[in-house]
Amino acid sequence: MYYNNKEFMTKNIQIVCLGSISRDLMFYTPAGKVFIDQNNQVDSQWLAFVLATKVDMPEFYYTWGGGAANTAVGLAKLGLKVGVVGCIGDDHDGRRALVNLKNFKVDTTGVTKTKKAQTGLSIIVSRQSVDKEHVAFVHRGANDYFKFVCPTKYLAAKYFYLNTLNGEAWLKILKQIFATARQQQIKIYWNPGGKQLAAGLKALEPFLAQTEILQLNQEEAKKLLVSALSAADLSQPKRLLIGLSALGPKLVIVTLGEQGAIVYDGHNFYSQPIYPSKNVDTIGVGDSFGAAFLASLIYQPQQITTALAWGLINSGCNVAKIGAQEGIITKAEISKKFKQWFKS
């Protein structure tokens, strides 16, 4: 059987993306006001609207989102063969979400369907202004019923790209995913979600030790290491990277927003500023970064500097368009922009 030939199978599915699939409704309005609550030191910035008023939304957009879907589309557009594991509802949005993935030649064999909930939905409210501050109202829906369904043809992938897991059984599922990866010698690229980070460092340590590449933004890294580092160290990106690396990941990435990103391989630091582009919408920026970073490493192993540049170029192009997937570019486009960026 071909399915016993790992080399053959890898040519079919190179990366499996696991996590959420959702419909995104985005609307822009000038009515929201941002203010800072001086009495709340944790969640100090607020986006507010006046009660008992109708809020005009001059612009609104239906797009697609969810961590697994975003990274799958990003990797597929970069020329890789991708499968996705997620859960949708038995509804119109679920069917359309599958069509969207298939349009990018993403294999959806690992997607399950539930009648217990609707397909996940995010309603993203953004200020119609330069800063594009936003708030996302998230209905997890079918994503709470995620099942680790791993078709045989996925078991020879080079990587599992793992995003946020929802639902009450997320820890049990996480154990299943890591156990399968260990048995099949599949590397894990992990961008933990809110539930995983909230569980704390102790709960995640066994999984971090098996992780090949860990990606967090600066605030997520601080949250994970708050019990392990001093306040002074938490404010220094390099100390965050060293602290995360000590937990076991072979490669650690911390994205720094407008300051770009920094990578640590246990010996050397690699940093790069953001790719110059117009900031229209930051939804999905981490997913577009991660997809390009991993794609670059698959095409050019050990070339961390190039991978970092690819991630920042892809995310820079993505924030220039509305939606988590609309601005993602192809391998040819990213290669061209890479040459232009480093020539200038």
C-alpha atoms as a PDB file:
ATOM      1  CA  MET A   1       0.000   0.000   0.000  1.00  0.00           C
ATOM      2  CA  TYR A   2       1.177   3.529  -0.798  1.00  0.00           C
ATOM      3  CA  TYR A   3       0.084   4.663   2.671  1.00  0.00           C
ATOM      4  CA  ASN A   4       2.952   2.706   4.211  1.00  0.00           C
ATOM      5  CA  ASN A   5       5.453   4.662   2.129  1.00  0.00           C
ATOM      6  CA  LYS A   6       6.158   7.821   4.080  1.00  0.00           C
ATOM      7  CA  GLU A   7       8.165   9.471   1.329  1.00  0.00           C
ATOM      8  CA  PHE A   8       5.340   9.026  -1.153  1.00  0.00           C
ATOM      9  CA  MET A   9       2.727  10.338   1.233  1.00  0.00           C
ATOM     10  CA  THR A  10       4.739  13.428   2.131  1.00  0.00           C
ATOM     11  CA  LYS A  11       4.487  14.486  -1.504  1.00  0.00           C
ATOM     12  CA  ASN A  12       0.716  14.579  -1.041  1.00  0.00           C
ATOM     13  CA  ILE A  13       0.294  16.339   2.306  1.00  0.00           C
ATOM     14  CA  GLN A  14       3.245  18.298   3.669  1.00  0.00           C
ATOM     15  CA  ILE A  15       1.560  20.261   6.453  1.00  0.00           C
ATOM     16  CA  VAL A  16      -1.595  19.665   8.477  1.00  0.00           C
ATOM     17  CA  CYS A  17      -3.211  22.746  10.046  1.00  0.00           C
ATOM     18  CA  LEU A  18      -5.263  22.097  13.185  1.00  0.00           C
ATOM     19  CA  GLY A  19      -7.628  24.528  14.892  1.00  0.00           C
ATOM     20  CA  SER A  20     -10.541  26.797  14.160  1.00  0.00           C
ATOM     21  CA  ILE A  21     -12.567  27.567  11.039  1.00  0.00           C
ATOM     22  CA  SER A  22     -14.936  30.525  11.071  1.00  0.00           C
ATOM     23  CA  ARG A  23     -16.961  33.075   9.170  1.00  0.00           C
ATOM     24  CA  ASP A  24     -15.824  36.659   9.848  1.00  0.00           C
ATOM     25  CA  LEU A  25     -18.130  39.656   9.639  1.00  0.00           C
ATOM     26  CA  MET A  26     -16.137  42.866   9.764  1.00  0.00           C
ATOM     27  CA  PHE A  27     -17.541  46.345   9.950  1.00  0.00           C
ATOM     28  CA  TYR A  28     -16.036  49.771  10.282  1.00  0.00           C
ATOM     29  CA  THR A  29     -17.617  52.670  12.087  1.00  0.00           C
ATOM     30  CA  PRO A  30     -16.414  56.137  13.132  1.00  0.00           C
ATOM     31  CA  ALA A  31     -18.712  56.035  16.170  1.00  0.00           C
ATOM     32  CA  GLY A  32     -16.497  54.051  18.551  1.00  0.00           C
ATOM     33  CA  LYS A  33     -14.466  55.935  21.126  1.00  0.00           C
ATOM     34  CA  VAL A  34     -11.242  54.586  22.619  1.00  0.00           C
ATOM     35  CA  PHE A  35     -10.478  55.554  26.190  1.00  0.00           C
ATOM     36  CA  ILE A  36      -8.157  54.396  28.938  1.00  0.00           C
ATOM     37  CA  ASP A  37      -9.504  53.220  32.283  1.00  0.00           C
ATOM     38  CA  GLN A  38      -6.943  54.398  34.828  1.00  0.00           C
ATOM     39  CA  ASN A  39      -8.440  52.146  37.530  1.00  0.00           C
ATOM     40  CA  ASN A  40      -7.923  48.913  35.597  1.00  0.00           C
ATOM     41  CA  GLN A  41      -4.270  48.116  35.060  1.00  0.00           C
ATOM     42  CA  VAL A  42      -4.850  44.860  33.127  1.00  0.00           C
ATOM     43  CA  ASP A  43      -7.481  45.705  30.527  1.00  0.00           C
ATOM     44  CA  SER A  44      -6.969  49.446  30.402  1.00  0.00           C
ATOM     45  CA  GLN A  45      -8.036  50.322  26.844  1.00  0.00           C
ATOM     46  CA  TRP A  46     -11.714  50.281  25.959  1.00  0.00           C
ATOM     47  CA  LEU A  47     -13.709  50.760  22.775  1.00  0.00           C
ATOM     48  CA  ALA A  48     -17.067  52.279  23.705  1.00  0.00           C
ATOM     49  CA  PHE A  49     -20.346  53.254  22.063  1.00  0.00           C
ATOM     50  CA  VAL A  50     -23.123  55.490  23.383  1.00  0.00           C
ATOM     51  CA  LEU A  51     -26.070  53.513  24.760  1.00  0.00           C
ATOM     52  CA  ALA A  52     -29.511  53.668  23.146  1.00  0.00           C
ATOM     53  CA  THR A  53     -28.180  54.930  19.819  1.00  0.00           C
ATOM     54  CA  LYS A  54     -28.002  53.475  16.337  1.00  0.00           C
ATOM     55  CA  VAL A  55     -24.438  53.032  15.149  1.00  0.00           C
ATOM     56  CA  ASP A  56     -23.820  53.615  11.455  1.00  0.00           C
ATOM     57  CA  MET A  57     -21.468  51.178   9.723  1.00  0.00           C
ATOM     58  CA  PRO A  58     -20.504  52.681   6.366  1.00  0.00           C
ATOM     59  CA  GLU A  59     -18.376  49.621   5.508  1.00  0.00           C
ATOM     60  CA  PHE A  60     -18.892  45.932   6.203  1.00  0.00           C
ATOM     61  CA  TYR A  61     -17.297  42.787   4.796  1.00  0.00           C
ATOM     62  CA  TYR A  62     -17.943  39.048   4.887  1.00  0.00           C
ATOM     63  CA  THR A  63     -14.632  37.197   5.000  1.00  0.00           C
ATOM     64  CA  TRP A  64     -13.260  33.866   6.198  1.00  0.00           C
ATOM     65  CA  GLY A  65     -11.151  33.239   9.266  1.00  0.00           C
ATOM     66  CA  GLY A  66     -10.111  30.868  12.021  1.00  0.00           C
ATOM     67  CA  GLY A  67      -6.498  29.982  12.761  1.00  0.00           C
ATOM     68  CA  ALA A  68      -6.446  26.625  10.946  1.00  0.00           C
ATOM     69  CA  ALA A  69      -8.197  28.001   7.876  1.00  0.00           C
ATOM     70  CA  ASN A  70      -5.967  31.088   7.721  1.00  0.00           C
ATOM     71  CA  THR A  71      -2.704  29.172   7.963  1.00  0.00           C
ATOM     72  CA  ALA A  72      -3.919  26.484   5.551  1.00  0.00           C
ATOM     73  CA  VAL A  73      -4.792  29.084   2.918  1.00  0.00           C
ATOM     74  CA  GLY A  74      -1.497  30.892   3.509  1.00  0.00           C
ATOM     75  CA  LEU A  75       0.591  27.750   3.118  1.00  0.00           C
ATOM     76  CA  ALA A  76      -1.380  26.585   0.082  1.00  0.00           C
ATOM     77  CA  LYS A  77      -0.933  29.938  -1.665  1.00  0.00           C
ATOM     78  CA  LEU A  78       2.797  29.534  -1.064  1.00  0.00           C
ATOM     79  CA  GLY A  79       2.766  26.318  -3.063  1.00  0.00           C
ATOM     80  CA  LEU A  80       2.615  23.674  -0.337  1.00  0.00           C
ATOM     81  CA  LYS A  81       0.229  20.733  -0.102  1.00  0.00           C
ATOM     82  CA  VAL A  82      -1.904  21.260   2.965  1.00  0.00           C
ATOM     83  CA  GLY A  83      -4.581  19.417   4.904  1.00  0.00           C
ATOM     84  CA  VAL A  84      -6.786  20.900   7.602  1.00  0.00           C
ATOM     85  CA  VAL A  85      -8.367  19.456  10.757  1.00  0.00           C
ATOM     86  CA  GLY A  86     -11.264  21.450  12.173  1.00  0.00           C
ATOM     87  CA  CYS A  87     -15.001  21.406  12.836  1.00  0.00           C
ATOM     88  CA  ILE A  88     -17.863  23.208  11.101  1.00  0.00           C
ATOM     89  CA  GLY A  89     -21.597  23.339  11.655  1.00  0.00           C
ATOM     90  CA  ASP A  90     -24.133  21.623   9.427  1.00  0.00           C
ATOM     91  CA  ASP A  91     -25.085  24.930   7.863  1.00  0.00           C
ATOM     92  CA  HIS A  92     -24.573  27.282   4.935  1.00  0.00           C
ATOM     93  CA  ASP A  93     -21.491  28.961   6.420  1.00  0.00           C
ATOM     94  CA  GLY A  94     -19.892  25.590   7.060  1.00  0.00           C
ATOM     95  CA  ARG A  95     -20.432  24.460   3.490  1.00  0.00           C
ATOM     96  CA  ARG A  96     -19.110  27.760   2.152  1.00  0.00           C
ATOM     97  CA  ALA A  97     -16.068  27.533   4.432  1.00  0.00           C
ATOM     98  CA  LEU A  98     -15.209  24.178   2.842  1.00  0.00           C
ATOM     99  CA  VAL A  99     -15.646  25.630  -0.637  1.00  0.00           C
ATOM    100  CA  ASN A 100     -13.288  28.463   0.281  1.00  0.00           C
ATOM    101  CA  LEU A 101     -10.612  26.023   1.447  1.00  0.00           C
ATOM    102  CA  LYS A 102     -11.028  23.779  -1.589  1.00  0.00           C
ATOM    103  CA  ASN A 103     -10.693  26.795  -3.877  1.00  0.00           C
ATOM    104  CA  PHE A 104      -7.128  27.104  -2.563  1.00  0.00           C
ATOM    105  CA  LYS A 105      -6.571  23.340  -3.044  1.00  0.00           C
ATOM    106  CA  VAL A 106      -6.556  22.652   0.697  1.00  0.00           C
ATOM    107  CA  ASP A 107      -7.457  19.057   1.560  1.00  0.00           C
ATOM    108  CA  THR A 108     -10.506  19.048   3.874  1.00  0.00           C
ATOM    109  CA  THR A 109     -10.693  15.318   4.632  1.00  0.00           C
ATOM    110  CA  GLY A 110      -9.918  16.056   8.287  1.00  0.00           C
ATOM    111  CA  VAL A 111     -12.786  18.517   8.748  1.00  0.00           C
ATOM    112  CA  THR A 112     -15.715  17.150  10.779  1.00  0.00           C
ATOM    113  CA  LYS A 113     -19.278  18.426  10.917  1.00  0.00           C
ATOM    114  CA  THR A 114     -21.497  18.809  13.978  1.00  0.00           C
ATOM    115  CA  LYS A 115     -25.227  19.356  14.354  1.00  0.00           C
ATOM    116  CA  LYS A 116     -24.721  20.598  17.917  1.00  0.00           C
ATOM    117  CA  ALA A 117     -23.579  24.098  16.979  1.00  0.00           C
ATOM    118  CA  GLN A 118     -23.333  26.541  14.118  1.00  0.00           C
ATOM    119  CA  THR A 119     -20.111  27.245  12.275  1.00  0.00           C
ATOM    120  CA  GLY A 120     -17.895  29.607  14.262  1.00  0.00           C
ATOM    121  CA  LEU A 121     -18.535  33.307  13.782  1.00  0.00           C
ATOM    122  CA  SER A 122     -16.511  36.396  14.617  1.00  0.00           C
ATOM    123  CA  ILE A 123     -18.002  39.877  14.453  1.00  0.00           C
ATOM    124  CA  ILE A 124     -15.154  42.349  14.312  1.00  0.00           C
ATOM    125  CA  VAL A 125     -15.877  45.994  15.066  1.00  0.00           C
ATOM    126  CA  SER A 126     -13.181  48.399  13.939  1.00  0.00           C
ATOM    127  CA  ARG A 127     -12.842  52.147  14.157  1.00  0.00           C
ATOM    128  CA  GLN A 128     -12.957  53.873  10.812  1.00  0.00           C
ATOM    129  CA  SER A 129      -9.780  55.784  11.478  1.00  0.00           C
ATOM    130  CA  VAL A 130      -6.028  55.612  11.116  1.00  0.00           C
ATOM    131  CA  ASP A 131      -5.390  53.436  14.167  1.00  0.00           C
ATOM    132  CA  LYS A 132      -7.964  50.756  13.168  1.00  0.00           C
ATOM    133  CA  GLU A 133      -8.538  49.765  16.806  1.00  0.00           C
ATOM    134  CA  HIS A 134     -10.950  46.839  16.919  1.00  0.00           C
ATOM    135  CA  VAL A 135     -12.920  44.515  19.164  1.00  0.00           C
ATOM    136  CA  ALA A 136     -13.875  40.963  18.130  1.00  0.00           C
ATOM    137  CA  PHE A 137     -17.075  39.315  19.340  1.00  0.00           C
ATOM    138  CA  VAL A 138     -16.386  35.590  18.962  1.00  0.00           C
ATOM    139  CA  HIS A 139     -18.925  32.772  18.822  1.00  0.00           C
ATOM    140  CA  ARG A 140     -16.815  29.600  18.951  1.00  0.00           C
ATOM    141  CA  GLY A 141     -19.724  27.461  17.826  1.00  0.00           C
ATOM    142  CA  ALA A 142     -18.617  24.275  16.081  1.00  0.00           C
ATOM    143  CA  ASN A 143     -15.000  24.967  17.018  1.00  0.00           C
ATOM    144  CA  ASP A 144     -15.884  23.865  20.553  1.00  0.00           C
ATOM    145  CA  TYR A 145     -16.594  20.411  19.084  1.00  0.00           C
ATOM    146  CA  PHE A 146     -13.200  20.020  17.442  1.00  0.00           C
ATOM    147  CA  LYS A 147     -12.126  16.388  17.024  1.00  0.00           C
ATOM    148  CA  PHE A 148      -8.651  15.191  16.194  1.00  0.00           C
ATOM    149  CA  VAL A 149      -9.497  13.314  13.031  1.00  0.00           C
ATOM    150  CA  CYS A 150      -6.249  12.475  11.269  1.00  0.00           C
ATOM    151  CA  PRO A 151      -6.727  10.645   7.962  1.00  0.00           C
ATOM    152  CA  THR A 152      -4.027   8.138   7.071  1.00  0.00           C
ATOM    153  CA  LYS A 153      -2.692  10.401   4.328  1.00  0.00           C
ATOM    154  CA  TYR A 154      -1.967  13.082   6.947  1.00  0.00           C
ATOM    155  CA  LEU A 155       0.302  10.823   8.999  1.00  0.00           C
ATOM    156  CA  ALA A 156       3.380  11.446   6.866  1.00  0.00           C
ATOM    157  CA  ALA A 157       3.214  15.231   6.934  1.00  0.00           C
ATOM    158  CA  LYS A 158       6.400  17.127   7.745  1.00  0.00           C
ATOM    159  CA  TYR A 159       4.587  19.387  10.216  1.00  0.00           C
ATOM    160  CA  PHE A 160       1.454  19.755  12.274  1.00  0.00           C
ATOM    161  CA  TYR A 161       0.696  23.491  12.406  1.00  0.00           C
ATOM    162  CA  LEU A 162      -1.275  23.814  15.631  1.00  0.00           C
ATOM    163  CA  ASN A 163      -3.403  26.869  16.417  1.00  0.00           C
ATOM    164  CA  THR A 164      -5.799  27.542  19.260  1.00  0.00           C
ATOM    165  CA  LEU A 165      -8.011  24.703  20.507  1.00  0.00           C
ATOM    166  CA  ASN A 166     -11.408  25.407  22.020  1.00  0.00           C
ATOM    167  CA  GLY A 167     -13.941  23.391  23.957  1.00  0.00           C
ATOM    168  CA  GLU A 168     -13.749  21.619  27.294  1.00  0.00           C
ATOM    169  CA  ALA A 169     -11.749  18.667  25.946  1.00  0.00           C
ATOM    170  CA  TRP A 170      -8.875  20.758  24.530  1.00  0.00           C
ATOM    171  CA  LEU A 171      -6.229  19.277  26.860  1.00  0.00           C
ATOM    172  CA  LYS A 172      -7.189  15.696  26.008  1.00  0.00           C
ATOM    173  CA  ILE A 173      -7.074  16.562  22.310  1.00  0.00           C
ATOM    174  CA  LEU A 174      -3.730  18.309  22.713  1.00  0.00           C
ATOM    175  CA  LYS A 175      -2.296  15.121  24.211  1.00  0.00           C
ATOM    176  CA  GLN A 176      -3.642  13.103  21.272  1.00  0.00           C
ATOM    177  CA  ILE A 177      -2.086  15.477  18.745  1.00  0.00           C
ATOM    178  CA  PHE A 178       1.341  15.475  20.381  1.00  0.00           C
ATOM    179  CA  ALA A 179       1.271  11.703  20.887  1.00  0.00           C
ATOM    180  CA  THR A 180       0.482  11.150  17.203  1.00  0.00           C
ATOM    181  CA  ALA A 181       3.198  13.595  16.159  1.00  0.00           C
ATOM    182  CA  ARG A 182       5.715  11.773  18.338  1.00  0.00           C
ATOM    183  CA  GLN A 183       4.740   8.349  16.984  1.00  0.00           C
ATOM    184  CA  GLN A 184       4.840   9.497  13.356  1.00  0.00           C
ATOM    185  CA  GLN A 185       7.915  11.735  13.775  1.00  0.00           C
ATOM    186  CA  ILE A 186       5.984  14.811  12.692  1.00  0.00           C
ATOM    187  CA  LYS A 187       7.334  18.179  13.791  1.00  0.00           C
ATOM    188  CA  ILE A 188       5.023  20.669  15.509  1.00  0.00           C
ATOM    189  CA  TYR A 189       4.719  24.374  14.791  1.00  0.00           C
ATOM    190  CA  TRP A 190       2.670  25.729  17.697  1.00  0.00           C
ATOM    191  CA  ASN A 191       0.877  29.040  18.100  1.00  0.00           C
ATOM    192  CA  PRO A 192      -1.058  28.445  21.361  1.00  0.00           C
ATOM    193  CA  GLY A 193      -4.431  30.051  21.865  1.00  0.00           C
ATOM    194  CA  GLY A 194      -6.030  31.806  24.801  1.00  0.00           C
ATOM    195  CA  LYS A 195      -7.261  28.671  26.576  1.00  0.00           C
ATOM    196  CA  GLN A 196      -3.852  27.059  26.369  1.00  0.00           C
ATOM    197  CA  LEU A 197      -2.045  30.145  27.702  1.00  0.00           C
ATOM    198  CA  ALA A 198      -4.590  30.544  30.489  1.00  0.00           C
ATOM    199  CA  ALA A 199      -3.806  26.996  31.667  1.00  0.00           C
ATOM    200  CA  GLY A 200      -0.361  28.217  32.651  1.00  0.00           C
ATOM    201  CA  LEU A 201       3.221  27.189  32.181  1.00  0.00           C
ATOM    202  CA  LYS A 202       3.064  24.021  34.263  1.00  0.00           C
ATOM    203  CA  ALA A 203       0.273  22.562  32.126  1.00  0.00           C
ATOM    204  CA  LEU A 204       2.046  23.351  28.855  1.00  0.00           C
ATOM    205  CA  GLU A 205       5.620  22.377  29.729  1.00  0.00           C
ATOM    206  CA  PRO A 206       5.367  18.733  28.529  1.00  0.00           C
ATOM    207  CA  PHE A 207       4.132  19.931  25.137  1.00  0.00           C
ATOM    208  CA  LEU A 208       6.646  22.749  24.821  1.00  0.00           C
ATOM    209  CA  ALA A 209       9.433  20.225  25.265  1.00  0.00           C
ATOM    210  CA  GLN A 210       8.245  18.458  22.095  1.00  0.00           C
ATOM    211  CA  THR A 211       7.596  21.606  20.049  1.00  0.00           C
ATOM    212  CA  GLU A 212       9.819  22.301  17.064  1.00  0.00           C
ATOM    213  CA  ILE A 213       8.769  25.924  16.501  1.00  0.00           C
ATOM    214  CA  LEU A 214       6.870  28.084  18.999  1.00  0.00           C
ATOM    215  CA  GLN A 215       5.268  31.359  17.927  1.00  0.00           C
ATOM    216  CA  LEU A 216       3.830  33.933  20.336  1.00  0.00           C
ATOM    217  CA  ASN A 217       3.320  37.651  20.334  1.00  0.00           C
ATOM    218  CA  GLN A 218       4.997  39.667  23.052  1.00  0.00           C
ATOM    219  CA  GLU A 219       1.957  39.866  25.334  1.00  0.00           C
ATOM    220  CA  GLU A 220       1.324  36.122  25.022  1.00  0.00           C
ATOM    221  CA  ALA A 221       4.960  35.384  25.867  1.00  0.00           C
ATOM    222  CA  LYS A 222       4.709  37.565  28.966  1.00  0.00           C
ATOM    223  CA  LYS A 223       1.526  35.819  30.042  1.00  0.00           C
ATOM    224  CA  LEU A 224       3.119  32.395  29.690  1.00  0.00           C
ATOM    225  CA  LEU A 225       6.307  33.311  31.552  1.00  0.00           C
ATOM    226  CA  VAL A 226       4.827  35.566  34.232  1.00  0.00           C
ATOM    227  CA  SER A 227       5.507  32.965  36.949  1.00  0.00           C
ATOM    228  CA  ALA A 228       9.022  32.199  35.711  1.00  0.00           C
ATOM    229  CA  LEU A 229      10.636  35.585  35.055  1.00  0.00           C
ATOM    230  CA  SER A 230      11.046  38.813  36.976  1.00  0.00           C
ATOM    231  CA  ALA A 231       9.134  41.941  35.968  1.00  0.00           C
ATOM    232  CA  ALA A 232      12.345  43.398  34.531  1.00  0.00           C
ATOM    233  CA  ASP A 233      12.989  40.318  32.370  1.00  0.00           C
ATOM    234  CA  LEU A 234       9.396  40.235  31.147  1.00  0.00           C
ATOM    235  CA  SER A 235       9.901  43.671  29.602  1.00  0.00           C
ATOM    236  CA  GLN A 236      12.878  42.501  27.528  1.00  0.00           C
ATOM    237  CA  PRO A 237      12.073  40.520  24.351  1.00  0.00           C
ATOM    238  CA  LYS A 238      15.399  38.663  24.354  1.00  0.00           C
ATOM    239  CA  ARG A 239      14.846  37.495  27.927  1.00  0.00           C
ATOM    240  CA  LEU A 240      11.405  36.229  26.877  1.00  0.00           C
ATOM    241  CA  LEU A 241      12.958  34.276  24.031  1.00  0.00           C
ATOM    242  CA  ILE A 242      15.616  32.742  26.262  1.00  0.00           C
ATOM    243  CA  GLY A 243      12.985  31.801  28.834  1.00  0.00           C
ATOM    244  CA  LEU A 244      10.786  30.151  26.203  1.00  0.00           C
ATOM    245  CA  SER A 245      13.715  28.367  24.587  1.00  0.00           C
ATOM    246  CA  ALA A 246      14.693  26.849  27.936  1.00  0.00           C
ATOM    247  CA  LEU A 247      11.352  25.029  27.938  1.00  0.00           C
ATOM    248  CA  GLY A 248      12.365  22.940  24.939  1.00  0.00           C
ATOM    249  CA  PRO A 249      11.273  24.416  21.576  1.00  0.00           C
ATOM    250  CA  LYS A 250      14.004  24.225  18.937  1.00  0.00           C
ATOM    251  CA  LEU A 251      13.050  27.627  17.540  1.00  0.00           C
ATOM    252  CA  VAL A 252      11.179  30.436  19.294  1.00  0.00           C
ATOM    253  CA  ILE A 253       9.492  33.400  17.593  1.00  0.00           C
ATOM    254  CA  VAL A 254       8.125  36.462  19.377  1.00  0.00           C
ATOM    255  CA  THR A 255       6.293  38.968  17.181  1.00  0.00           C
ATOM    256  CA  LEU A 256       6.578  42.559  18.339  1.00  0.00           C
ATOM    257  CA  GLY A 257       3.838  44.386  16.461  1.00  0.00           C
ATOM    258  CA  GLU A 258       5.162  47.548  14.869  1.00  0.00           C
ATOM    259  CA  GLN A 259       8.708  46.582  15.950  1.00  0.00           C
ATOM    260  CA  GLY A 260       8.726  43.514  13.704  1.00  0.00           C
ATOM    261  CA  ALA A 261       9.754  40.143  15.120  1.00  0.00           C
ATOM    262  CA  ILE A 262      12.656  38.347  16.756  1.00  0.00           C
ATOM    263  CA  VAL A 263      13.694  34.678  16.576  1.00  0.00           C
ATOM    264  CA  TYR A 264      15.981  32.622  18.814  1.00  0.00           C
ATOM    265  CA  ASP A 265      17.435  29.208  17.962  1.00  0.00           C
ATOM    266  CA  GLY A 266      19.083  28.572  21.314  1.00  0.00           C
ATOM    267  CA  HIS A 267      22.335  30.183  20.195  1.00  0.00           C
ATOM    268  CA  ASN A 268      21.632  33.233  18.045  1.00  0.00           C
ATOM    269  CA  PHE A 269      19.028  35.975  17.814  1.00  0.00           C
ATOM    270  CA  TYR A 270      17.547  37.069  14.486  1.00  0.00           C
ATOM    271  CA  SER A 271      15.499  40.261  14.269  1.00  0.00           C
ATOM    272  CA  GLN A 272      13.829  42.201  11.487  1.00  0.00           C
ATOM    273  CA  PRO A 273      11.633  45.324  11.357  1.00  0.00           C
ATOM    274  CA  ILE A 274       8.152  45.191   9.864  1.00  0.00           C
ATOM    275  CA  TYR A 275       7.721  45.170   6.117  1.00  0.00           C
ATOM    276  CA  PRO A 276       6.659  48.669   5.005  1.00  0.00           C
ATOM    277  CA  SER A 277       2.977  48.635   4.044  1.00  0.00           C
ATOM    278  CA  LYS A 278      -0.295  50.408   4.712  1.00  0.00           C
ATOM    279  CA  ASN A 279      -1.953  49.155   7.897  1.00  0.00           C
ATOM    280  CA  VAL A 280      -5.618  48.626   7.067  1.00  0.00           C
ATOM    281  CA  ASP A 281      -6.605  45.593   9.151  1.00  0.00           C
ATOM    282  CA  THR A 282      -4.565  43.455  11.572  1.00  0.00           C
ATOM    283  CA  ILE A 283      -6.914  40.451  11.731  1.00  0.00           C
ATOM    284  CA  GLY A 284      -4.989  37.262  10.963  1.00  0.00           C
ATOM    285  CA  VAL A 285      -1.584  38.938  11.003  1.00  0.00           C
ATOM    286  CA  GLY A 286      -0.019  36.215  13.162  1.00  0.00           C
ATOM    287  CA  ASP A 287      -1.395  33.450  10.934  1.00  0.00           C
ATOM    288  CA  SER A 288      -0.055  35.011   7.739  1.00  0.00           C
ATOM    289  CA  PHE A 289       3.336  35.507   9.403  1.00  0.00           C
ATOM    290  CA  GLY A 290       3.523  31.907  10.609  1.00  0.00           C
ATOM    291  CA  ALA A 291       2.443  30.399   7.294  1.00  0.00           C
ATOM    292  CA  ALA A 292       5.170  32.219   5.376  1.00  0.00           C
ATOM    293  CA  PHE A 293       7.823  31.597   8.036  1.00  0.00           C
ATOM    294  CA  LEU A 294       7.216  27.850   7.956  1.00  0.00           C
ATOM    295  CA  ALA A 295       6.914  27.712   4.164  1.00  0.00           C
ATOM    296  CA  SER A 296      10.283  29.425   3.839  1.00  0.00           C
ATOM    297  CA  LEU A 297      11.939  26.919   6.185  1.00  0.00           C
ATOM    298  CA  ILE A 298      10.512  24.012   4.207  1.00  0.00           C
ATOM    299  CA  TYR A 299      11.843  25.440   0.958  1.00  0.00           C
ATOM    300  CA  GLN A 300      15.145  26.607   2.471  1.00  0.00           C
ATOM    301  CA  PRO A 301      15.949  24.700   5.699  1.00  0.00           C
ATOM    302  CA  GLN A 302      18.090  26.495   8.297  1.00  0.00           C
ATOM    303  CA  GLN A 303      17.687  29.863   6.555  1.00  0.00           C
ATOM    304  CA  ILE A 304      16.127  31.610   9.541  1.00  0.00           C
ATOM    305  CA  THR A 305      16.843  35.147   8.332  1.00  0.00           C
ATOM    306  CA  THR A 306      15.013  34.455   5.081  1.00  0.00           C
ATOM    307  CA  ALA A 307      12.114  32.800   6.909  1.00  0.00           C
ATOM    308  CA  LEU A 308      11.760  35.814   9.187  1.00  0.00           C
ATOM    309  CA  ALA A 309      11.679  38.146   6.190  1.00  0.00           C
ATOM    310  CA  TRP A 310       9.091  35.985   4.432  1.00  0.00           C
ATOM    311  CA  GLY A 311       6.883  36.045   7.526  1.00  0.00           C
ATOM    312  CA  LEU A 312       7.065  39.820   7.828  1.00  0.00           C
ATOM    313  CA  ILE A 313       6.483  40.385   4.106  1.00  0.00           C
ATOM    314  CA  ASN A 314       3.411  38.139   4.080  1.00  0.00           C
ATOM    315  CA  SER A 315       1.957  39.676   7.232  1.00  0.00           C
ATOM    316  CA  GLY A 316       2.743  43.163   5.928  1.00  0.00           C
ATOM    317  CA  CYS A 317       0.844  42.451   2.724  1.00  0.00           C
ATOM    318  CA  ASN A 318      -2.019  40.897   4.671  1.00  0.00           C
ATOM    319  CA  VAL A 319      -2.575  43.924   6.922  1.00  0.00           C
ATOM    320  CA  ALA A 320      -2.834  46.081   3.802  1.00  0.00           C
ATOM    321  CA  LYS A 321      -6.152  44.414   2.932  1.00  0.00           C
ATOM    322  CA  ILE A 322      -9.346  43.754   4.864  1.00  0.00           C
ATOM    323  CA  GLY A 323      -9.783  40.194   6.107  1.00  0.00           C
ATOM    324  CA  ALA A 324      -7.565  37.461   7.530  1.00  0.00           C
ATOM    325  CA  GLN A 325      -6.908  35.791   4.162  1.00  0.00           C
ATOM    326  CA  GLU A 326      -7.389  38.449   1.492  1.00  0.00           C
ATOM    327  CA  GLY A 327      -3.876  39.908   1.576  1.00  0.00           C
ATOM    328  CA  ILE A 328      -1.919  36.645   1.695  1.00  0.00           C
ATOM    329  CA  ILE A 329       0.449  36.403  -1.274  1.00  0.00           C
ATOM    330  CA  THR A 330       1.981  33.655  -3.403  1.00  0.00           C
ATOM    331  CA  LYS A 331       5.491  32.215  -3.435  1.00  0.00           C
ATOM    332  CA  ALA A 332       6.379  34.143  -6.598  1.00  0.00           C
ATOM    333  CA  GLU A 333       5.118  37.404  -5.112  1.00  0.00           C
ATOM    334  CA  ILE A 334       6.902  36.933  -1.818  1.00  0.00           C
ATOM    335  CA  SER A 335      10.174  36.049  -3.561  1.00  0.00           C
ATOM    336  CA  LYS A 336       9.924  39.194  -5.682  1.00  0.00           C
ATOM    337  CA  LYS A 337       9.195  41.430  -2.692  1.00  0.00           C
ATOM    338  CA  PHE A 338      12.046  39.789  -0.743  1.00  0.00           C
ATOM    339  CA  LYS A 339      14.539  40.715  -3.475  1.00  0.00           C
ATOM    340  CA  GLN A 340      13.196  44.259  -3.720  1.00  0.00           C
ATOM    341  CA  TRP A 341      13.211  44.794   0.056  1.00  0.00           C
ATOM    342  CA  PHE A 342      16.791  43.726   0.547  1.00  0.00           C
ATOM    343  CA  LYS A 343      17.996  45.521  -2.566  1.00  0.00           C
ATOM    344  CA  SER A 344      16.651  48.864  -1.318  1.00  0.00           C
END
